[in-house]
Structure formats: structure tokens, C-alpha cells
Protein backbone atom coordinates (compact mmCIF):
# COMPACT_ATOMS: atom_id res chain seq x y z
CA MET A 1 5.02 15.55 -14.90
CA THR A 2 4.62 12.32 -16.88
CA ALA A 3 3.93 12.92 -20.56
CA ILE A 4 0.95 11.38 -22.34
CA THR A 5 1.19 10.37 -25.97
CA PRO A 6 -1.54 12.18 -27.99
CA THR A 7 -4.06 9.49 -28.96
CA PRO A 8 -7.45 9.60 -30.75
CA VAL A 9 -10.41 8.41 -28.69
CA THR A 10 -11.20 5.67 -31.22
CA THR A 11 -7.72 4.18 -30.78
CA LEU A 12 -8.08 4.25 -27.03
CA ALA A 13 -11.57 2.72 -27.23
CA THR A 14 -10.25 -0.17 -29.31
CA HIS A 15 -7.58 -0.85 -26.69
CA LEU A 16 -10.15 -0.79 -23.88
CA GLY A 17 -12.94 -2.59 -25.72
CA ALA A 18 -15.15 0.44 -25.00
CA THR A 19 -18.24 1.75 -26.80
CA VAL A 20 -17.79 5.33 -28.06
CA GLU A 21 -20.57 7.88 -27.81
CA GLY A 22 -19.64 11.15 -29.52
CA ASP A 23 -16.81 12.34 -31.73
CA GLY A 24 -14.23 9.57 -31.77
CA SER A 25 -11.70 11.75 -33.56
CA VAL A 26 -11.07 13.82 -30.41
CA VAL A 27 -7.41 13.52 -29.45
CA ILE A 28 -6.51 12.81 -25.82
CA THR A 29 -3.47 14.80 -24.68
CA GLY A 30 -3.78 14.69 -20.89
CA ALA A 31 -5.65 13.37 -17.87
CA ALA A 32 -7.40 15.25 -15.06
CA PRO A 33 -10.13 14.90 -12.41
CA LEU A 34 -13.71 15.07 -13.63
CA GLU A 35 -14.37 18.51 -12.13
CA THR A 36 -11.21 20.21 -13.46
CA ALA A 37 -10.64 18.42 -16.77
CA THR A 38 -10.52 20.55 -19.92
CA GLN A 39 -10.50 19.95 -23.67
CA GLY A 40 -8.19 17.09 -24.56
CA ASP A 41 -8.22 15.58 -21.06
CA LEU A 42 -9.34 12.05 -20.28
CA THR A 43 -11.21 11.43 -17.03
CA PHE A 44 -13.64 8.91 -15.54
CA LEU A 45 -16.77 8.61 -13.40
CA GLY A 46 -16.29 5.71 -11.02
CA ASN A 47 -18.49 6.75 -8.08
CA PRO A 48 -22.14 7.78 -8.55
CA LYS A 49 -21.84 10.45 -5.85
CA TYR A 50 -19.73 12.49 -8.28
CA ALA A 51 -22.30 12.22 -11.08
CA ALA A 52 -23.16 15.92 -10.78
CA HIS A 53 -19.70 16.78 -12.11
CA LEU A 54 -20.46 14.82 -15.27
CA ALA A 55 -23.08 17.42 -16.23
CA THR A 56 -20.55 20.25 -16.10
CA THR A 57 -17.26 18.65 -17.06
CA ARG A 58 -15.33 20.06 -19.99
CA ALA A 59 -13.26 16.91 -20.46
CA GLY A 60 -12.48 15.70 -23.95
CA ALA A 61 -13.57 12.15 -23.02
CA VAL A 62 -15.04 10.48 -19.95
CA ILE A 63 -14.90 6.79 -19.13
CA VAL A 64 -18.28 5.75 -17.66
CA ASP A 65 -20.43 2.69 -17.02
CA ALA A 66 -23.68 1.75 -18.78
CA LYS A 67 -25.87 3.80 -16.40
CA ALA A 68 -24.21 7.21 -16.73
CA GLN A 69 -26.20 9.96 -18.47
CA ARG A 70 -24.71 11.75 -21.45
CA PRO A 71 -23.52 15.22 -20.36
CA PRO A 72 -24.86 18.37 -22.06
CA SER A 73 -21.28 19.60 -22.46
CA GLY A 74 -20.80 17.21 -25.37
CA SER A 75 -17.89 15.30 -23.89
CA VAL A 76 -17.22 11.99 -25.60
CA LEU A 77 -18.19 8.96 -23.52
CA LEU A 78 -16.36 5.66 -23.39
CA ARG A 79 -18.71 3.07 -21.89
CA VAL A 80 -17.14 0.11 -20.08
CA PRO A 81 -18.22 -2.25 -17.26
CA LYS A 82 -15.59 -0.99 -14.77
CA PRO A 83 -14.63 2.68 -15.29
CA HIS A 84 -11.89 2.88 -12.64
CA LEU A 85 -10.13 -0.20 -13.96
CA ALA A 86 -10.51 1.01 -17.55
CA PHE A 87 -9.02 4.39 -16.57
CA ALA A 88 -5.98 2.62 -15.13
CA ARG A 89 -5.60 0.59 -18.33
CA ALA A 90 -6.01 3.73 -20.39
CA LEU A 91 -3.20 5.53 -18.56
CA GLN A 92 -0.95 2.50 -18.96
CA PHE A 93 -1.63 2.70 -22.68
CA LEU A 94 -1.23 6.48 -22.95
CA VAL A 95 1.86 6.92 -20.79
CA LYS A 96 4.92 5.58 -22.50
CA ALA A 97 7.60 4.30 -20.18
CA GLU A 98 10.73 6.40 -19.97
CA ARG A 99 13.53 4.88 -22.02
CA HIS A 100 16.95 4.63 -20.42
CA GLN A 101 20.27 4.14 -22.12
CA PRO A 102 21.51 0.67 -21.17
CA GLY A 103 24.89 0.39 -19.52
CA VAL A 104 26.85 1.54 -16.51
CA HIS A 105 27.47 5.28 -16.20
CA PRO A 106 31.12 6.23 -15.57
CA GLY A 107 29.95 8.01 -12.42
CA ALA A 108 28.50 4.83 -10.92
CA HIS A 109 30.49 2.56 -8.63
CA VAL A 110 30.06 -1.05 -9.74
CA ASP A 111 32.27 -3.67 -8.16
CA SER A 112 34.33 -5.73 -10.59
CA ALA A 113 32.73 -8.91 -9.20
CA ALA A 114 29.16 -7.71 -9.86
CA ARG A 115 27.20 -9.20 -12.77
CA VAL A 116 25.10 -6.54 -14.49
CA SER A 117 22.96 -7.40 -17.52
CA PRO A 118 24.09 -5.48 -20.63
CA THR A 119 20.49 -4.24 -21.01
CA ALA A 120 20.33 -2.89 -17.45
CA THR A 121 20.97 0.77 -16.57
CA VAL A 122 23.12 1.88 -13.64
CA MET A 123 23.09 5.67 -13.32
CA SER A 124 25.69 8.07 -12.00
CA GLY A 125 26.08 7.93 -8.24
CA ALA A 126 24.60 4.44 -7.87
CA TYR A 127 26.49 1.75 -5.95
CA VAL A 128 26.53 -1.94 -6.86
CA GLY A 129 28.56 -4.17 -4.56
CA PRO A 130 30.52 -7.39 -5.02
CA ASP A 131 28.79 -10.54 -6.28
CA VAL A 132 25.58 -8.61 -7.01
CA GLU A 133 23.35 -9.71 -9.90
CA ILE A 134 21.29 -7.10 -11.81
CA GLY A 135 18.76 -8.50 -14.28
CA PRO A 136 17.85 -7.34 -17.79
CA ARG A 137 16.31 -3.89 -18.30
CA THR A 138 16.48 -3.10 -14.59
CA VAL A 139 17.23 0.55 -13.76
CA ILE A 140 19.32 1.59 -10.74
CA TYR A 141 18.83 5.33 -10.23
CA PRO A 142 21.36 7.81 -8.81
CA ASN A 143 22.24 7.35 -5.14
CA ALA A 144 20.58 3.94 -4.93
CA SER A 145 22.69 1.18 -3.39
CA VAL A 146 22.72 -2.57 -3.91
CA LEU A 147 25.01 -4.29 -1.43
CA ALA A 148 27.05 -7.49 -1.63
CA GLN A 149 25.46 -10.69 -2.93
CA ALA A 150 22.04 -9.14 -3.52
CA ARG A 151 20.01 -10.43 -6.47
CA ILE A 152 17.70 -8.21 -8.51
CA GLY A 153 15.55 -9.60 -11.32
CA GLY A 154 14.55 -8.09 -14.64
CA ASP A 155 12.59 -4.91 -15.36
CA CYS A 156 12.96 -3.55 -11.82
CA LEU A 157 13.09 0.14 -10.89
CA ILE A 158 15.29 1.07 -7.92
CA TYR A 159 14.72 4.78 -7.35
CA PRO A 160 17.11 7.31 -5.72
CA GLY A 161 17.97 6.66 -2.11
CA ALA A 162 16.66 3.08 -2.06
CA VAL A 163 18.96 0.51 -0.45
CA VAL A 164 18.96 -3.25 -1.04
CA ARG A 165 21.15 -4.76 1.64
CA GLU A 166 23.44 -7.78 1.62
CA GLY A 167 22.04 -11.04 0.32
CA CYS A 168 18.51 -9.81 -0.33
CA VAL A 169 16.58 -11.09 -3.35
CA LEU A 170 14.13 -9.19 -5.59
CA GLY A 171 12.05 -10.83 -8.30
CA SER A 172 11.11 -9.28 -11.62
CA ARG A 173 9.24 -5.99 -12.16
CA VAL A 174 9.78 -4.88 -8.57
CA ILE A 175 9.55 -1.13 -7.90
CA LEU A 176 11.31 0.43 -4.91
CA HIS A 177 10.46 4.10 -4.53
CA ASN A 178 12.70 6.74 -2.97
CA ASN A 179 14.48 5.83 0.27
CA VAL A 180 13.04 2.34 0.63
CA SER A 181 15.11 0.13 2.92
CA ILE A 182 15.26 -3.57 2.12
CA GLY A 183 17.16 -5.78 4.54
CA ALA A 184 18.15 -3.47 7.37
CA ASP A 185 18.75 -5.35 10.62
CA GLY A 186 15.63 -6.47 12.43
CA TYR A 187 15.06 -5.03 15.89
CA GLY A 188 16.65 -7.89 17.82
CA PHE A 189 18.14 -7.47 21.29
CA THR A 190 18.41 -9.44 24.50
CA ARG A 191 19.49 -8.37 27.96
CA ASP A 192 22.56 -8.96 30.05
CA GLY A 193 21.60 -7.26 33.27
CA ALA A 194 20.95 -3.63 32.40
CA THR A 195 22.75 -3.92 29.03
CA HIS A 196 21.01 -4.54 25.71
CA VAL A 197 22.90 -7.10 23.65
CA LYS A 198 22.41 -7.06 19.87
CA ILE A 199 21.30 -10.31 18.23
CA PRO A 200 22.99 -10.49 14.81
CA GLN A 201 20.37 -10.66 12.06
CA VAL A 202 21.76 -13.32 9.74
CA GLY A 203 18.71 -13.81 7.48
CA ASN A 204 17.62 -11.85 4.43
CA VAL A 205 14.58 -10.46 2.59
CA VAL A 206 12.99 -12.19 -0.41
CA ILE A 207 10.57 -10.16 -2.55
CA GLY A 208 8.40 -11.75 -5.26
CA ASP A 209 7.57 -10.54 -8.75
CA ASP A 210 5.44 -7.43 -9.38
CA VAL A 211 5.82 -6.00 -5.87
CA GLU A 212 5.77 -2.21 -5.41
CA ILE A 213 7.01 -0.54 -2.22
CA GLY A 214 6.34 3.14 -1.48
CA ALA A 215 8.77 5.82 -0.40
CA GLY A 216 10.35 5.56 3.02
CA SER A 217 9.08 2.05 3.77
CA CYS A 218 11.25 -0.53 5.51
CA VAL A 219 11.36 -4.31 5.21
CA ASP A 220 13.78 -5.73 7.78
CA ARG A 221 15.88 -8.83 7.31
CA ALA A 222 15.04 -11.91 9.36
CA ALA A 223 17.10 -12.89 12.36
CA MET A 224 17.30 -16.32 10.70
CA GLY A 225 15.69 -17.45 7.47
CA SER A 226 13.87 -14.88 5.32
CA THR A 227 11.39 -12.06 5.61
CA ARG A 228 9.15 -12.60 2.56
CA ILE A 229 6.88 -10.37 0.46
CA GLY A 230 4.67 -12.32 -1.96
CA ARG A 231 4.01 -11.74 -5.64
CA GLY A 232 1.83 -8.78 -6.56
CA THR A 233 1.79 -7.19 -3.12
CA LYS A 234 1.58 -3.38 -3.04
CA ILE A 235 2.99 -1.45 -0.08
CA ASP A 236 2.36 2.27 0.46
CA ASN A 237 4.70 4.91 1.87
CA LEU A 238 6.09 4.80 5.42
CA VAL A 239 5.23 1.19 6.19
CA GLN A 240 7.26 -0.94 8.64
CA ILE A 241 7.56 -4.69 8.10
CA ALA A 242 9.61 -6.24 10.89
CA HIS A 243 12.02 -9.15 10.81
CA GLY A 244 10.67 -12.55 9.94
CA CYS A 245 7.28 -11.38 8.64
CA GLN A 246 5.67 -13.49 5.93
CA VAL A 247 3.47 -11.44 3.60
CA GLY A 248 1.41 -13.33 1.04
CA GLU A 249 0.42 -12.57 -2.54
CA ASP A 250 -1.70 -9.60 -3.68
CA VAL A 251 -1.67 -8.03 -0.22
CA LEU A 252 -2.36 -4.28 0.16
CA ILE A 253 -0.65 -2.36 2.99
CA VAL A 254 -1.51 1.34 3.25
CA ALA A 255 0.56 4.22 4.61
CA GLN A 256 1.96 4.32 8.15
CA SER A 257 0.93 0.76 8.91
CA GLY A 258 3.26 -1.53 10.82
CA MET A 259 3.63 -5.12 11.85
CA ALA A 260 5.86 -6.60 14.51
CA GLY A 261 8.19 -9.54 14.04
CA SER A 262 7.08 -12.89 12.61
CA THR A 263 3.63 -11.65 11.58
CA VAL A 264 1.96 -13.70 8.83
CA LEU A 265 -0.35 -11.98 6.34
CA GLU A 266 -2.01 -14.52 4.09
CA ASP A 267 -2.99 -13.79 0.48
CA ARG A 268 -5.17 -10.76 -0.36
CA VAL A 269 -5.13 -9.27 3.13
CA VAL A 270 -5.74 -5.49 3.26
CA ILE A 271 -4.19 -3.34 5.99
CA ALA A 272 -5.68 0.16 5.82
CA ALA A 273 -3.83 3.32 6.85
CA ARG A 274 -2.09 3.22 10.24
CA GLY A 275 -3.16 -0.33 10.99
CA GLY A 276 -0.98 -2.16 13.50
CA ILE A 277 -0.35 -5.86 14.13
CA LEU A 278 1.39 -7.38 17.15
CA ASP A 279 4.08 -10.02 16.75
CA HIS A 280 3.65 -13.71 15.93
CA LEU A 281 0.04 -13.32 14.73
CA THR A 282 -1.58 -14.71 11.58
CA ILE A 283 -4.11 -12.69 9.55
CA GLY A 284 -6.23 -15.01 7.41
CA ALA A 285 -6.60 -14.71 3.64
CA GLY A 286 -8.83 -11.91 2.40
CA THR A 287 -9.24 -10.24 5.79
CA THR A 288 -9.36 -6.43 6.00
CA VAL A 289 -7.88 -4.48 8.92
CA MET A 290 -9.42 -1.01 8.87
CA SER A 291 -7.64 2.28 9.54
CA LEU A 292 -6.18 2.78 13.04
CA ALA A 293 -7.08 -0.77 14.10
CA LEU A 294 -4.67 -2.58 16.42
CA VAL A 295 -4.68 -6.35 15.98
CA THR A 296 -3.80 -8.16 19.20
CA LYS A 297 -4.74 -11.73 18.29
CA SER A 298 -4.75 -13.87 15.16
CA LEU A 299 -7.69 -13.40 12.78
CA PRO A 300 -9.55 -15.90 10.58
CA ALA A 301 -9.93 -15.53 6.84
CA GLY A 302 -12.35 -13.19 5.13
CA ILE A 303 -13.46 -10.87 7.93
CA VAL A 304 -13.32 -7.10 8.46
CA VAL A 305 -12.02 -5.74 11.76
CA SER A 306 -11.66 -2.28 13.29
CA GLY A 307 -10.97 -0.62 16.62
CA ASN A 308 -8.40 -0.97 19.41
CA PRO A 309 -8.21 -3.79 20.17
CA ALA A 310 -9.43 -4.92 16.76
CA ARG A 311 -12.75 -6.77 16.68
CA PRO A 312 -15.30 -7.56 13.94
CA HIS A 313 -16.33 -4.26 12.39
CA ARG A 314 -20.07 -4.61 13.09
CA GLU A 315 -19.30 -5.37 16.73
CA GLN A 316 -17.07 -2.30 16.87
CA LEU A 317 -19.84 -0.15 15.40
CA ARG A 318 -22.24 -1.35 18.12
CA HIS A 319 -19.58 -0.62 20.73
CA ASP A 320 -19.08 2.89 19.35
CA ALA A 321 -22.83 3.49 19.32
CA ARG A 322 -23.13 2.49 22.98
CA LEU A 323 -20.10 4.57 23.91
CA SER A 324 -21.60 7.63 22.23
CA ARG A 325 -24.51 7.44 24.70
CA ILE A 326 -22.33 7.47 27.82
CA GLU A 327 -23.08 11.12 28.62
CA GLU A 328 -26.81 10.45 28.38
CA VAL A 329 -26.49 7.43 30.68
CA LEU A 330 -24.46 9.38 33.25
CA GLU A 331 -27.04 12.19 33.25
CA ARG A 332 -29.83 9.66 33.88
CA VAL A 333 -27.90 8.06 36.74
CA GLU A 334 -27.25 11.46 38.29
CA SER A 335 -30.94 12.31 37.95
CA LEU A 336 -31.95 9.04 39.64
CA GLU A 337 -29.49 9.62 42.47
CA THR A 338 -30.83 13.15 43.00
CA PHE A 339 -34.40 11.81 43.09
CA ALA A 340 -33.44 9.07 45.57
CA GLU A 341 -31.83 11.61 47.89
CA SER A 342 -34.92 13.81 47.70
CA GLN A 343 -36.96 10.82 48.91
CA GLY A 344 -34.65 10.24 51.85
CA LEU A 345 -33.13 7.16 50.29
CA LYS A 346 -29.47 6.48 50.65
CA ARG A 347 -27.35 4.32 48.42
CA LYS A 348 -26.12 1.19 50.18
CA PRO A 349 -22.34 1.15 50.57
CA ARG A 350 -20.58 -1.37 48.41
CA THR A 351 -19.52 -4.43 50.38
CA THR A 352 -16.53 -6.62 49.71
CA LYS A 353 -16.95 -10.33 50.12
CA LYS A 354 -14.55 -11.67 52.68
CA ASN A 355 -12.41 -14.68 51.97
CA ASP A 356 -13.45 -17.48 54.33
CA ASP A 357 -9.92 -18.82 54.21
């Protein structure tokens, strides 16, 4: 569990630019959900539907907006315009980053031709290959591997089991969680009769600054050129990004989503959980692909799509509403047919138009 530095509410309020209502001398020692928080815990109310918990919370301090009512429990309030954002900033302030001893552990394998910053940390069991560059203050955890000619910028965290393959490039402040694969071969094969012939994947992966990639996700190297992940993009666990994809800046890709080769996601696209995108498509800037949607054609900027195949969300809702009435429609048809038969009427057989040719 990550430790929180004990901090008075007034100090935290100054950092957040928040207005304090209550005893500002209360010391924050932890963080917890609104309904389970206890004395000393910091929490927040970001969604009005949870307002009932504010009346009963025992939290030491609650981050709220201007409309929230003061709870009878006496919890201190920190009023801000955006509680969820302020809570994130508060945790960044309260949680002090773990400090690592710079240097290469004797139990690590670092090739003599690698260039590792003296302020970087390479832990026991890590592997750093020939002609690799590791930037300042970057941490390579046990059992992580960085293969030949890879480049990793400053202040990166490469967690256990993560692999950065040959020639791949990471910017600064990149986080690779456990068992992330960067630069595995793209899924490239052609056929010689009944035999599948592998197409060597001679490209690489280039990842921009401030990218975070969740556990078990894979970003494949391009067949030629580069698979790219833009600055500030955040990728959840178990995501597949195929060879040659071009992902823009500040994109969000949620768990178990996948995109086939040469997909283009422009800036600020959101792919919700288990979204899928076929190959060689472009998703316009700011577009949202909702959970379980399958995108089969390119999409313009700034729309929201859902369904399989994906279509504008409002259109999909209308489709779902009509589909939900199918049983009612079938019952009405059956009733009409029964009535027609009772009147001695017979349904005309369907005729097929003959081709005059």
C-alpha cells in the first residue's frame, strides 16, 4: 500500500487553492471512499448521486464543489470547482514518490556497450542490452528487459516483466506496468500455397512523453516504419495495438480494447472497454467509441459511436429500442394471421420475378 505523508488540511488547501470549512488543523493520514472513510482520511464527492454518503461520512476531510451541503458529522470541507481533479492533485501532493538508489545493481545484466545515466536505477535481475540508452532518473525494475539499441528517456518507470524490444524509443516520464510488451513482431504473414510465410517486421515502436501503458498490454512493432503512441496517451490493461498503428496525443484506450494494423487514432480519441477497430481506418479527433463497439469504417471527428457495427450512438439507441419491440411485433403479426385464417383468407404465396433475359 502506498504511504501518504501526514499533512494538515490547511497545507493541503493552500496547495489546491481550496476554501476550508471546519477545523483546518485536522491532519490527513490516508485516503478512502466517501462511504468507508474514517478519521484522518481524505475523500471527495464528485457525483451528486452519492450525496447521501456525505451526510454519514466519518472522513477527516471531504473535497466538494460549491453546491455540496455541510455534513452533520462535522467533516472538514475543501471547496473547489472540480472535486475529482482536486482529489487527484491532492493525492499527487500527499503521496511521495518512492526514492531509489541510483546505479546498477550487481545482480543486473547490463551490456558493456549500454549507456546508462548515473542517476538511473537498474535493479537486480533486469537486463539491458547492447547500445541501449537509459535516461536520467529512470528506473528499470527486476526482470524487466530492454533489448539492443532501444532508447529510454528520463524519469521513466519500467516495471517487472515489461519488455522493450530492439530499436524501440520511449520518451520521458513513460510508465510501463507489469508485463507490457513494446515492439514484439506485428502479426504479418503471407501465403505460399498452404504454408504461412512470416513477413519480417523491420520497423519499431516510438512512444511519446508522459505515456502510461497498463499491465499486459502489447504495442507491436511496424512491419516498416514506426508504430507510434503520442504524448500524454493513457492505455489501460490488456490492450492490443497492432503493427503500424498511429495513436495521437491525449488518447484514452480502456481495458481489453484492440485495433488492427495501420489504424489511426487522432488526438483525444476515447476507446472505451472492449472496443474494437478494423485495420486501415482513421478515427477522427475527439471521437468516442463506446464499450463493445466494433468500428468497421473510418469515423469523423467529434462524434460518439456504439454498437456492432458501430454507428452514431443516438442512432444505435433508436435501433435498440426498435429491436426491443420485436416480440410485440411478432405477436401482432401472428394475431393478424390467425384472424385472416378465421375469415377464410389465405396469404398469397411470395412470387419471384423472372429474369426476362
